[in-house]
Amino acid sequence: MASGRDAANRTLCGCVQFVADLQLSASDQRMAAEFFAEPHQAQEIRQSDSGRHEAFWTRYKAFAGQAEELCAGY
């Protein structure tokens, strides 16, 4: 809701959070939340050679795809 985007609404945010709770650990959610404050960090993690970052990015992409699919109507 704090993003200031026109499409932001409680129902959409709730849906995305629901999917995040299903797909991502609390640690993954904290890391993903940092992208909003520091967008370049997403690029750094995506391009990282770290196995931990690669595994996170795989989970994050799966979450994003499922959130897009399930929450598209909100």
PDB file of N, CA and C in Angstrom:
ATOM      1  N   MET A   1       0.820  -1.184   0.000  1.00  0.00           N
ATOM      2  CA  MET A   1       0.000   0.000   0.000  1.00  0.00           C
ATOM      3  C   MET A   1       0.868   1.254   0.000  1.00  0.00           C
ATOM      4  N   ALA A   2       2.034   1.170   0.602  1.00  0.00           N
ATOM      5  CA  ALA A   2       2.913   2.339   0.708  1.00  0.00           C
ATOM      6  C   ALA A   2       3.633   2.649  -0.604  1.00  0.00           C
ATOM      7  N   SER A   3       3.458   1.801  -1.597  1.00  0.00           N
ATOM      8  CA  SER A   3       4.177   2.013  -2.862  1.00  0.00           C
ATOM      9  C   SER A   3       3.687   3.243  -3.598  1.00  0.00           C
ATOM     10  N   GLY A   4       2.459   3.653  -3.327  1.00  0.00           N
ATOM     11  CA  GLY A   4       1.909   4.801  -4.022  1.00  0.00           C
ATOM     12  C   GLY A   4       1.422   4.482  -5.428  1.00  0.00           C
ATOM     13  N   ARG A   5       1.414   3.227  -5.801  1.00  0.00           N
ATOM     14  CA  ARG A   5       0.969   2.840  -7.142  1.00  0.00           C
ATOM     15  C   ARG A   5      -0.543   2.859  -7.220  1.00  0.00           C
ATOM     16  N   ASP A   6      -1.058   3.275  -8.362  1.00  0.00           N
ATOM     17  CA  ASP A   6      -2.503   3.381  -8.554  1.00  0.00           C
ATOM     18  C   ASP A   6      -3.220   2.050  -8.355  1.00  0.00           C
ATOM     19  N   ALA A   7      -2.580   0.952  -8.733  1.00  0.00           N
ATOM     20  CA  ALA A   7      -3.220  -0.359  -8.659  1.00  0.00           C
ATOM     21  C   ALA A   7      -3.210  -0.950  -7.250  1.00  0.00           C
ATOM     22  N   ALA A   8      -2.486  -0.327  -6.328  1.00  0.00           N
ATOM     23  CA  ALA A   8      -2.393  -0.876  -4.974  1.00  0.00           C
ATOM     24  C   ALA A   8      -3.744  -0.782  -4.267  1.00  0.00           C
ATOM     25  N   ASN A   9      -4.160  -1.898  -3.690  1.00  0.00           N
ATOM     26  CA  ASN A   9      -5.364  -1.909  -2.871  1.00  0.00           C
ATOM     27  C   ASN A   9      -5.223  -3.036  -1.856  1.00  0.00           C
ATOM     28  N   ARG A  10      -6.026  -3.000  -0.828  1.00  0.00           N
ATOM     29  CA  ARG A  10      -5.894  -3.976   0.260  1.00  0.00           C
ATOM     30  C   ARG A  10      -6.091  -5.411  -0.214  1.00  0.00           C
ATOM     31  N   THR A  11      -7.010  -5.615  -1.122  1.00  0.00           N
ATOM     32  CA  THR A  11      -7.278  -6.968  -1.605  1.00  0.00           C
ATOM     33  C   THR A  11      -6.076  -7.515  -2.367  1.00  0.00           C
ATOM     34  N   LEU A  12      -5.520  -6.712  -3.257  1.00  0.00           N
ATOM     35  CA  LEU A  12      -4.338  -7.140  -4.015  1.00  0.00           C
ATOM     36  C   LEU A  12      -3.166  -7.400  -3.081  1.00  0.00           C
ATOM     37  N   CYS A  13      -2.919  -6.474  -2.166  1.00  0.00           N
ATOM     38  CA  CYS A  13      -1.807  -6.647  -1.229  1.00  0.00           C
ATOM     39  C   CYS A  13      -1.998  -7.895  -0.368  1.00  0.00           C
ATOM     40  N   GLY A  14      -3.241  -8.134   0.061  1.00  0.00           N
ATOM     41  CA  GLY A  14      -3.527  -9.331   0.844  1.00  0.00           C
ATOM     42  C   GLY A  14      -3.291 -10.607   0.060  1.00  0.00           C
ATOM     43  N   CYS A  15      -3.664 -10.584  -1.207  1.00  0.00           N
ATOM     44  CA  CYS A  15      -3.450 -11.748  -2.067  1.00  0.00           C
ATOM     45  C   CYS A  15      -1.960 -12.032  -2.240  1.00  0.00           C
ATOM     46  N   VAL A  16      -1.200 -10.989  -2.530  1.00  0.00           N
ATOM     47  CA  VAL A  16       0.245 -11.156  -2.723  1.00  0.00           C
ATOM     48  C   VAL A  16       0.882 -11.664  -1.429  1.00  0.00           C
ATOM     49  N   GLN A  17       0.455 -11.128  -0.279  1.00  0.00           N
ATOM     50  CA  GLN A  17       1.002 -11.594   0.997  1.00  0.00           C
ATOM     51  C   GLN A  17       0.639 -13.048   1.252  1.00  0.00           C
ATOM     52  N   PHE A  18      -0.582 -13.449   0.896  1.00  0.00           N
ATOM     53  CA  PHE A  18      -1.005 -14.839   1.046  1.00  0.00           C
ATOM     54  C   PHE A  18      -0.078 -15.765   0.263  1.00  0.00           C
ATOM     55  N   VAL A  19       0.206 -15.399  -0.992  1.00  0.00           N
ATOM     56  CA  VAL A  19       1.091 -16.220  -1.827  1.00  0.00           C
ATOM     57  C   VAL A  19       2.505 -16.218  -1.250  1.00  0.00           C
ATOM     58  N   ALA A  20       2.958 -15.068  -0.788  1.00  0.00           N
ATOM     59  CA  ALA A  20       4.298 -14.993  -0.184  1.00  0.00           C
ATOM     60  C   ALA A  20       4.388 -15.922   1.019  1.00  0.00           C
ATOM     61  N   ASP A  21       3.355 -15.936   1.858  1.00  0.00           N
ATOM     62  CA  ASP A  21       3.369 -16.804   3.033  1.00  0.00           C
ATOM     63  C   ASP A  21       3.394 -18.280   2.655  1.00  0.00           C
ATOM     64  N   LEU A  22       2.781 -18.617   1.508  1.00  0.00           N
ATOM     65  CA  LEU A  22       2.797 -20.001   1.042  1.00  0.00           C
ATOM     66  C   LEU A  22       4.135 -20.388   0.422  1.00  0.00           C
ATOM     67  N   GLN A  23       4.748 -19.457  -0.297  1.00  0.00           N
ATOM     68  CA  GLN A  23       5.898 -19.775  -1.137  1.00  0.00           C
ATOM     69  C   GLN A  23       7.254 -19.431  -0.538  1.00  0.00           C
ATOM     70  N   LEU A  24       7.306 -18.407   0.307  1.00  0.00           N
ATOM     71  CA  LEU A  24       8.589 -17.890   0.773  1.00  0.00           C
ATOM     72  C   LEU A  24       8.711 -17.985   2.288  1.00  0.00           C
ATOM     73  N   SER A  25       9.913 -18.286   2.741  1.00  0.00           N
ATOM     74  CA  SER A  25      10.174 -18.270   4.183  1.00  0.00           C
ATOM     75  C   SER A  25      10.185 -16.819   4.669  1.00  0.00           C
ATOM     76  N   ALA A  26      10.171 -16.647   5.968  1.00  0.00           N
ATOM     77  CA  ALA A  26      10.243 -15.292   6.533  1.00  0.00           C
ATOM     78  C   ALA A  26      11.539 -14.608   6.093  1.00  0.00           C
ATOM     79  N   SER A  27      12.616 -15.349   6.047  1.00  0.00           N
ATOM     80  CA  SER A  27      13.901 -14.800   5.600  1.00  0.00           C
ATOM     81  C   SER A  27      13.829 -14.365   4.136  1.00  0.00           C
ATOM     82  N   ASP A  28      13.220 -15.191   3.286  1.00  0.00           N
ATOM     83  CA  ASP A  28      13.051 -14.828   1.880  1.00  0.00           C
ATOM     84  C   ASP A  28      12.205 -13.559   1.753  1.00  0.00           C
ATOM     85  N   GLN A  29      11.144 -13.474   2.556  1.00  0.00           N
ATOM     86  CA  GLN A  29      10.283 -12.290   2.488  1.00  0.00           C
ATOM     87  C   GLN A  29      11.025 -11.030   2.912  1.00  0.00           C
ATOM     88  N   ARG A  30      11.874 -11.145   3.918  1.00  0.00           N
ATOM     89  CA  ARG A  30      12.666  -9.979   4.338  1.00  0.00           C
ATOM     90  C   ARG A  30      13.615  -9.549   3.227  1.00  0.00           C
ATOM     91  N   MET A  31      14.259 -10.522   2.583  1.00  0.00           N
ATOM     92  CA  MET A  31      15.179 -10.190   1.501  1.00  0.00           C
ATOM     93  C   MET A  31      14.425  -9.525   0.348  1.00  0.00           C
ATOM     94  N   ALA A  32      13.271 -10.073  -0.011  1.00  0.00           N
ATOM     95  CA  ALA A  32      12.485  -9.512  -1.112  1.00  0.00           C
ATOM     96  C   ALA A  32      11.988  -8.110  -0.763  1.00  0.00           C
ATOM     97  N   ALA A  33      11.608  -7.886   0.480  1.00  0.00           N
ATOM     98  CA  ALA A  33      11.116  -6.568   0.897  1.00  0.00           C
ATOM     99  C   ALA A  33      12.196  -5.504   0.747  1.00  0.00           C
ATOM    100  N   GLU A  34      13.445  -5.894   0.883  1.00  0.00           N
ATOM    101  CA  GLU A  34      14.551  -4.945   0.727  1.00  0.00           C
ATOM    102  C   GLU A  34      14.628  -4.394  -0.698  1.00  0.00           C
ATOM    103  N   PHE A  35      14.091  -5.132  -1.665  1.00  0.00           N
ATOM    104  CA  PHE A  35      14.127  -4.674  -3.056  1.00  0.00           C
ATOM    105  C   PHE A  35      13.358  -3.366  -3.237  1.00  0.00           C
ATOM    106  N   PHE A  36      12.337  -3.150  -2.424  1.00  0.00           N
ATOM    107  CA  PHE A  36      11.542  -1.930  -2.564  1.00  0.00           C
ATOM    108  C   PHE A  36      12.329  -0.707  -2.116  1.00  0.00           C
ATOM    109  N   ALA A  37      13.158  -0.874  -1.096  1.00  0.00           N
ATOM    110  CA  ALA A  37      13.983   0.231  -0.616  1.00  0.00           C
ATOM    111  C   ALA A  37      15.245   0.384  -1.459  1.00  0.00           C
ATOM    112  N   GLU A  38      15.743  -0.721  -1.983  1.00  0.00           N
ATOM    113  CA  GLU A  38      16.999  -0.725  -2.725  1.00  0.00           C
ATOM    114  C   GLU A  38      16.838  -1.603  -3.963  1.00  0.00           C
ATOM    115  N   PRO A  39      16.170  -1.112  -5.030  1.00  0.00           N
ATOM    116  CA  PRO A  39      15.881  -1.927  -6.211  1.00  0.00           C
ATOM    117  C   PRO A  39      17.114  -2.565  -6.866  1.00  0.00           C
ATOM    118  N   HIS A  40      18.240  -1.898  -6.789  1.00  0.00           N
ATOM    119  CA  HIS A  40      19.450  -2.455  -7.411  1.00  0.00           C
ATOM    120  C   HIS A  40      19.875  -3.763  -6.744  1.00  0.00           C
ATOM    121  N   GLN A  41      19.495  -3.947  -5.491  1.00  0.00           N
ATOM    122  CA  GLN A  41      19.863  -5.181  -4.789  1.00  0.00           C
ATOM    123  C   GLN A  41      19.263  -6.406  -5.478  1.00  0.00           C
ATOM    124  N   ALA A  42      18.082  -6.264  -6.051  1.00  0.00           N
ATOM    125  CA  ALA A  42      17.470  -7.389  -6.771  1.00  0.00           C
ATOM    126  C   ALA A  42      18.369  -7.824  -7.918  1.00  0.00           C
ATOM    127  N   GLN A  43      18.903  -6.862  -8.640  1.00  0.00           N
ATOM    128  CA  GLN A  43      19.809  -7.170  -9.753  1.00  0.00           C
ATOM    129  C   GLN A  43      21.085  -7.832  -9.246  1.00  0.00           C
ATOM    130  N   GLU A  44      21.604  -7.336  -8.138  1.00  0.00           N
ATOM    131  CA  GLU A  44      22.824  -7.922  -7.561  1.00  0.00           C
ATOM    132  C   GLU A  44      22.596  -9.383  -7.171  1.00  0.00           C
ATOM    133  N   ILE A  45      21.482  -9.658  -6.549  1.00  0.00           N
ATOM    134  CA  ILE A  45      21.188 -11.026  -6.124  1.00  0.00           C
ATOM    135  C   ILE A  45      20.929 -11.921  -7.336  1.00  0.00           C
ATOM    136  N   ARG A  46      20.212 -11.397  -8.310  1.00  0.00           N
ATOM    137  CA  ARG A  46      19.911 -12.176  -9.510  1.00  0.00           C
ATOM    138  C   ARG A  46      21.185 -12.580 -10.237  1.00  0.00           C
ATOM    139  N   GLN A  47      22.171 -11.708 -10.254  1.00  0.00           N
ATOM    140  CA  GLN A  47      23.414 -11.972 -10.980  1.00  0.00           C
ATOM    141  C   GLN A  47      24.504 -12.610 -10.119  1.00  0.00           C
ATOM    142  N   SER A  48      24.230 -12.804  -8.852  1.00  0.00           N
ATOM    143  CA  SER A  48      25.220 -13.335  -7.926  1.00  0.00           C
ATOM    144  C   SER A  48      25.602 -14.773  -8.277  1.00  0.00           C
ATOM    145  N   ASP A  49      26.840 -15.116  -7.975  1.00  0.00           N
ATOM    146  CA  ASP A  49      27.308 -16.494  -8.156  1.00  0.00           C
ATOM    147  C   ASP A  49      27.062 -17.348  -6.911  1.00  0.00           C
ATOM    148  N   SER A  50      26.520 -16.757  -5.874  1.00  0.00           N
ATOM    149  CA  SER A  50      26.260 -17.460  -4.627  1.00  0.00           C
ATOM    150  C   SER A  50      25.136 -18.490  -4.821  1.00  0.00           C
ATOM    151  N   GLY A  51      25.369 -19.678  -4.361  1.00  0.00           N
ATOM    152  CA  GLY A  51      24.344 -20.718  -4.420  1.00  0.00           C
ATOM    153  C   GLY A  51      23.105 -20.327  -3.625  1.00  0.00           C
ATOM    154  N   ARG A  52      23.309 -19.661  -2.507  1.00  0.00           N
ATOM    155  CA  ARG A  52      22.188 -19.209  -1.673  1.00  0.00           C
ATOM    156  C   ARG A  52      21.339 -18.193  -2.424  1.00  0.00           C
ATOM    157  N   HIS A  53      21.997 -17.279  -3.123  1.00  0.00           N
ATOM    158  CA  HIS A  53      21.263 -16.278  -3.899  1.00  0.00           C
ATOM    159  C   HIS A  53      20.546 -16.910  -5.094  1.00  0.00           C
ATOM    160  N   GLU A  54      21.195 -17.864  -5.740  1.00  0.00           N
ATOM    161  CA  GLU A  54      20.563 -18.545  -6.871  1.00  0.00           C
ATOM    162  C   GLU A  54      19.311 -19.292  -6.412  1.00  0.00           C
ATOM    163  N   ALA A  55      19.395 -19.966  -5.275  1.00  0.00           N
ATOM    164  CA  ALA A  55      18.238 -20.695  -4.746  1.00  0.00           C
ATOM    165  C   ALA A  55      17.121 -19.727  -4.368  1.00  0.00           C
ATOM    166  N   PHE A  56      17.488 -18.609  -3.740  1.00  0.00           N
ATOM    167  CA  PHE A  56      16.487 -17.594  -3.407  1.00  0.00           C
ATOM    168  C   PHE A  56      15.807 -17.092  -4.675  1.00  0.00           C
ATOM    169  N   TRP A  57      16.595 -16.775  -5.702  1.00  0.00           N
ATOM    170  CA  TRP A  57      16.021 -16.197  -6.918  1.00  0.00           C
ATOM    171  C   TRP A  57      15.050 -17.180  -7.591  1.00  0.00           C
ATOM    172  N   THR A  58      15.371 -18.456  -7.541  1.00  0.00           N
ATOM    173  CA  THR A  58      14.469 -19.472  -8.087  1.00  0.00           C
ATOM    174  C   THR A  58      13.148 -19.469  -7.327  1.00  0.00           C
ATOM    175  N   ARG A  59      13.217 -19.414  -5.998  1.00  0.00           N
ATOM    176  CA  ARG A  59      11.999 -19.364  -5.186  1.00  0.00           C
ATOM    177  C   ARG A  59      11.234 -18.063  -5.435  1.00  0.00           C
ATOM    178  N   TYR A  60      11.957 -16.964  -5.547  1.00  0.00           N
ATOM    179  CA  TYR A  60      11.330 -15.663  -5.743  1.00  0.00           C
ATOM    180  C   TYR A  60      10.595 -15.605  -7.089  1.00  0.00           C
ATOM    181  N   LYS A  61      11.217 -16.141  -8.139  1.00  0.00           N
ATOM    182  CA  LYS A  61      10.562 -16.168  -9.449  1.00  0.00           C
ATOM    183  C   LYS A  61       9.297 -17.019  -9.408  1.00  0.00           C
ATOM    184  N   ALA A  62       9.348 -18.152  -8.719  1.00  0.00           N
ATOM    185  CA  ALA A  62       8.163 -19.007  -8.592  1.00  0.00           C
ATOM    186  C   ALA A  62       7.057 -18.262  -7.842  1.00  0.00           C
ATOM    187  N   PHE A  63       7.436 -17.568  -6.776  1.00  0.00           N
ATOM    188  CA  PHE A  63       6.459 -16.772  -6.029  1.00  0.00           C
ATOM    189  C   PHE A  63       5.838 -15.700  -6.921  1.00  0.00           C
ATOM    190  N   ALA A  64       6.666 -14.966  -7.638  1.00  0.00           N
ATOM    191  CA  ALA A  64       6.177 -13.873  -8.487  1.00  0.00           C
ATOM    192  C   ALA A  64       5.214 -14.400  -9.549  1.00  0.00           C
ATOM    193  N   GLY A  65       5.551 -15.522 -10.150  1.00  0.00           N
ATOM    194  CA  GLY A  65       4.677 -16.116 -11.161  1.00  0.00           C
ATOM    195  C   GLY A  65       3.341 -16.537 -10.582  1.00  0.00           C
ATOM    196  N   GLN A  66       3.378 -17.174  -9.409  1.00  0.00           N
ATOM    197  CA  GLN A  66       2.133 -17.614  -8.802  1.00  0.00           C
ATOM    198  C   GLN A  66       1.313 -16.415  -8.321  1.00  0.00           C
ATOM    199  N   ALA A  67       1.950 -15.407  -7.767  1.00  0.00           N
ATOM    200  CA  ALA A  67       1.233 -14.205  -7.320  1.00  0.00           C
ATOM    201  C   ALA A  67       0.571 -13.516  -8.510  1.00  0.00           C
ATOM    202  N   GLU A  68       1.310 -13.428  -9.612  1.00  0.00           N
ATOM    203  CA  GLU A  68       0.739 -12.801 -10.806  1.00  0.00           C
ATOM    204  C   GLU A  68      -0.493 -13.578 -11.285  1.00  0.00           C
ATOM    205  N   GLU A  69      -0.381 -14.887 -11.273  1.00  0.00           N
ATOM    206  CA  GLU A  69      -1.481 -15.734 -11.749  1.00  0.00           C
ATOM    207  C   GLU A  69      -2.700 -15.664 -10.814  1.00  0.00           C
ATOM    208  N   LEU A  70      -2.462 -15.791  -9.514  1.00  0.00           N
ATOM    209  CA  LEU A  70      -3.576 -15.854  -8.564  1.00  0.00           C
ATOM    210  C   LEU A  70      -4.186 -14.497  -8.234  1.00  0.00           C
ATOM    211  N   CYS A  71      -3.403 -13.442  -8.338  1.00  0.00           N
ATOM    212  CA  CYS A  71      -3.860 -12.124  -7.892  1.00  0.00           C
ATOM    213  C   CYS A  71      -4.201 -11.186  -9.032  1.00  0.00           C
ATOM    214  N   ALA A  72      -4.168 -11.671 -10.248  1.00  0.00           N
ATOM    215  CA  ALA A  72      -4.358 -10.818 -11.427  1.00  0.00           C
ATOM    216  C   ALA A  72      -5.703 -10.089 -11.433  1.00  0.00           C
ATOM    217  N   GLY A  73      -6.729 -10.661 -10.872  1.00  0.00           N
ATOM    218  CA  GLY A  73      -8.050 -10.057 -10.926  1.00  0.00           C
ATOM    219  C   GLY A  73      -8.309  -8.983  -9.900  1.00  0.00           C
ATOM    220  N   TYR A  74      -7.337  -8.718  -9.040  1.00  0.00           N
ATOM    221  CA  TYR A  74      -7.549  -7.744  -7.962  1.00  0.00           C
ATOM    222  C   TYR A  74      -6.968  -6.423  -8.363  1.00  0.00           C
TER     223      TYR A  74
END
